[in-house]
Protein backbone atom coordinates (compact mmCIF):
# COMPACT_ATOMS: atom_id res chain seq x y z
CA MET A 1 -78.53 -24.63 56.77
CA SER A 2 -75.26 -23.84 55.00
CA ARG A 3 -74.60 -24.86 51.46
CA LYS A 4 -71.29 -26.05 50.19
CA PRO A 5 -70.13 -23.86 47.27
CA PHE A 6 -69.09 -25.57 44.06
CA VAL A 7 -65.32 -25.50 43.58
CA ARG A 8 -64.19 -26.45 40.12
CA PRO A 9 -61.33 -28.97 40.29
CA VAL A 10 -58.11 -27.58 38.84
CA PRO A 11 -55.13 -29.86 38.22
CA ALA A 12 -52.26 -28.66 40.39
CA THR A 13 -49.49 -29.12 37.83
CA THR A 14 -51.08 -28.98 34.36
CA TRP A 15 -53.66 -26.20 34.61
CA TYR A 16 -51.77 -24.01 32.15
CA MET A 17 -51.75 -26.59 29.36
CA ARG A 18 -55.47 -26.20 28.65
CA ASN A 19 -55.24 -22.72 27.20
CA GLY A 20 -52.64 -21.28 24.82
CA ARG A 21 -52.63 -17.95 26.66
CA TYR A 22 -51.77 -19.66 29.94
CA LEU A 23 -49.06 -21.73 28.25
CA ARG A 24 -47.43 -18.57 26.84
CA TYR A 25 -47.66 -16.98 30.29
CA MET A 26 -45.88 -19.92 31.90
CA ALA A 27 -43.22 -19.94 29.16
CA ARG A 28 -42.54 -16.28 29.92
CA GLU A 29 -42.24 -17.07 33.63
CA VAL A 30 -39.85 -19.96 32.97
CA SER A 31 -37.77 -17.69 30.75
CA SER A 32 -36.95 -15.55 33.76
CA LEU A 33 -35.30 -18.58 35.42
CA PHE A 34 -32.93 -19.00 32.47
CA ILE A 35 -32.14 -15.30 32.45
CA GLY A 36 -31.43 -15.41 36.19
CA LEU A 37 -29.12 -18.40 35.77
CA TYR A 38 -27.33 -16.61 32.93
CA MET A 39 -26.83 -13.55 35.13
CA ALA A 40 -25.47 -15.78 37.92
CA GLY A 41 -23.00 -17.20 35.38
CA LEU A 42 -21.89 -13.68 34.46
CA ALA A 43 -21.39 -12.85 38.14
CA MET A 44 -19.34 -16.04 38.48
CA GLY A 45 -17.22 -14.90 35.54
CA LEU A 46 -16.52 -11.57 37.22
CA MET A 47 -15.55 -13.39 40.39
CA ARG A 48 -13.19 -15.68 38.44
CA LEU A 49 -11.70 -12.68 36.65
CA ALA A 50 -10.93 -11.06 40.01
CA GLN A 51 -9.28 -14.29 41.23
CA GLY A 52 -6.59 -14.18 38.55
CA PRO A 53 -5.60 -15.60 35.16
CA ASP A 54 -5.77 -19.28 36.14
CA ALA A 55 -9.32 -19.03 37.47
CA TRP A 56 -10.36 -16.95 34.43
CA ASN A 57 -8.93 -19.51 31.98
CA ALA A 58 -10.73 -22.31 33.83
CA TYR A 59 -13.97 -20.32 33.55
CA LEU A 60 -13.45 -19.83 29.80
CA THR A 61 -12.77 -23.54 29.40
CA ALA A 62 -16.01 -24.35 31.22
CA LEU A 63 -17.90 -21.96 28.94
CA SER A 64 -16.68 -23.80 25.85
CA SER A 65 -18.17 -27.14 26.94
CA PRO A 66 -21.13 -28.47 24.91
CA LEU A 67 -23.47 -28.24 27.90
CA ALA A 68 -22.60 -24.56 28.40
CA LEU A 69 -23.14 -23.86 24.70
CA VAL A 70 -26.58 -25.50 24.79
CA PHE A 71 -27.45 -23.49 27.89
CA HIS A 72 -26.38 -20.24 26.21
CA VAL A 73 -28.49 -20.99 23.13
CA LEU A 74 -31.50 -21.73 25.37
CA ALA A 75 -30.87 -18.59 27.43
CA PHE A 76 -30.67 -16.50 24.25
CA ALA A 77 -33.92 -17.99 22.93
CA PHE A 78 -35.70 -17.36 26.23
CA ALA A 79 -34.29 -13.83 26.49
CA THR A 80 -35.55 -13.08 22.98
CA TYR A 81 -38.98 -14.51 23.82
CA HIS A 82 -39.07 -12.55 27.09
CA ALA A 83 -38.15 -9.29 25.32
CA THR A 84 -40.65 -9.71 22.49
CA THR A 85 -43.53 -10.52 24.82
CA TRP A 86 -42.63 -7.53 26.95
CA PHE A 87 -42.46 -5.20 23.94
CA ASN A 88 -45.84 -6.45 22.73
CA ALA A 89 -47.38 -5.80 26.16
CA THR A 90 -45.83 -2.33 26.49
CA PRO A 91 -48.69 -0.34 24.88
CA LYS A 92 -51.05 -1.64 27.56
CA ALA A 93 -48.69 -0.65 30.39
CA MET A 94 -47.26 2.58 28.98
CA ARG A 95 -49.71 4.97 27.37
CA ILE A 96 -47.94 8.01 25.97
CA ARG A 97 -49.98 11.17 25.68
CA TRP A 98 -49.62 12.98 22.35
CA GLY A 99 -51.69 16.14 22.01
CA ASP A 100 -55.35 15.31 22.70
CA GLY A 101 -54.90 11.56 22.30
CA TYR A 102 -52.36 8.83 22.79
CA VAL A 103 -49.59 7.40 20.65
CA PRO A 104 -50.98 4.31 18.88
CA GLY A 105 -49.92 0.97 20.38
CA PRO A 106 -48.20 -0.38 17.24
CA THR A 107 -46.04 2.76 17.10
CA VAL A 108 -44.87 2.18 20.68
CA VAL A 109 -44.04 -1.46 19.87
CA ARG A 110 -42.13 -0.51 16.70
CA ALA A 111 -40.19 2.13 18.63
CA HIS A 112 -39.11 -0.45 21.19
CA TYR A 113 -37.96 -2.88 18.50
CA ALA A 114 -36.09 -0.10 16.71
CA LEU A 115 -34.33 0.94 19.92
CA TRP A 116 -33.47 -2.69 20.66
CA GLY A 117 -31.94 -3.04 17.19
CA LEU A 118 -30.02 0.22 17.54
CA VAL A 119 -28.58 -0.70 20.95
CA SER A 120 -27.63 -4.16 19.63
CA LEU A 121 -25.91 -2.58 16.64
CA VAL A 122 -23.96 -0.15 18.84
CA ILE A 123 -22.83 -3.00 21.09
CA LEU A 124 -21.73 -5.08 18.09
CA VAL A 125 -19.74 -2.11 16.76
CA LEU A 126 -18.13 -1.47 20.16
CA VAL A 127 -16.97 -5.07 20.56
CA GLY A 128 -15.63 -5.15 17.02
CA VAL A 129 -17.98 -7.66 15.40
CA ILE A 130 -19.14 -5.14 12.79
């Protein structure tokens, strides 16, 4: 006689809303979609730049629309969330040996944030904002 194992019912579309950890995981996954769309927009800009001044000016005009501005704000917010969650997970994925032990996790996280700030500062200086 075979017994039927108990299978807990899981909602197909809302399973992640029951736990905050799962919700943060899904937000991180959705953030990659926005980053991918942003990168596709950058590739489109390069293509328009190669097509000449008229195509480039049309691309710049499209970027100044309210919908494009909202998208860029959302993409920036998701990119920031994606980066911070990655930096906070780094000590678990990257253990750095230091003498007989390992570099403490908070030190690795602070180093990543410091490097992020430094690279951002260098880019802002190079483009002439600062």
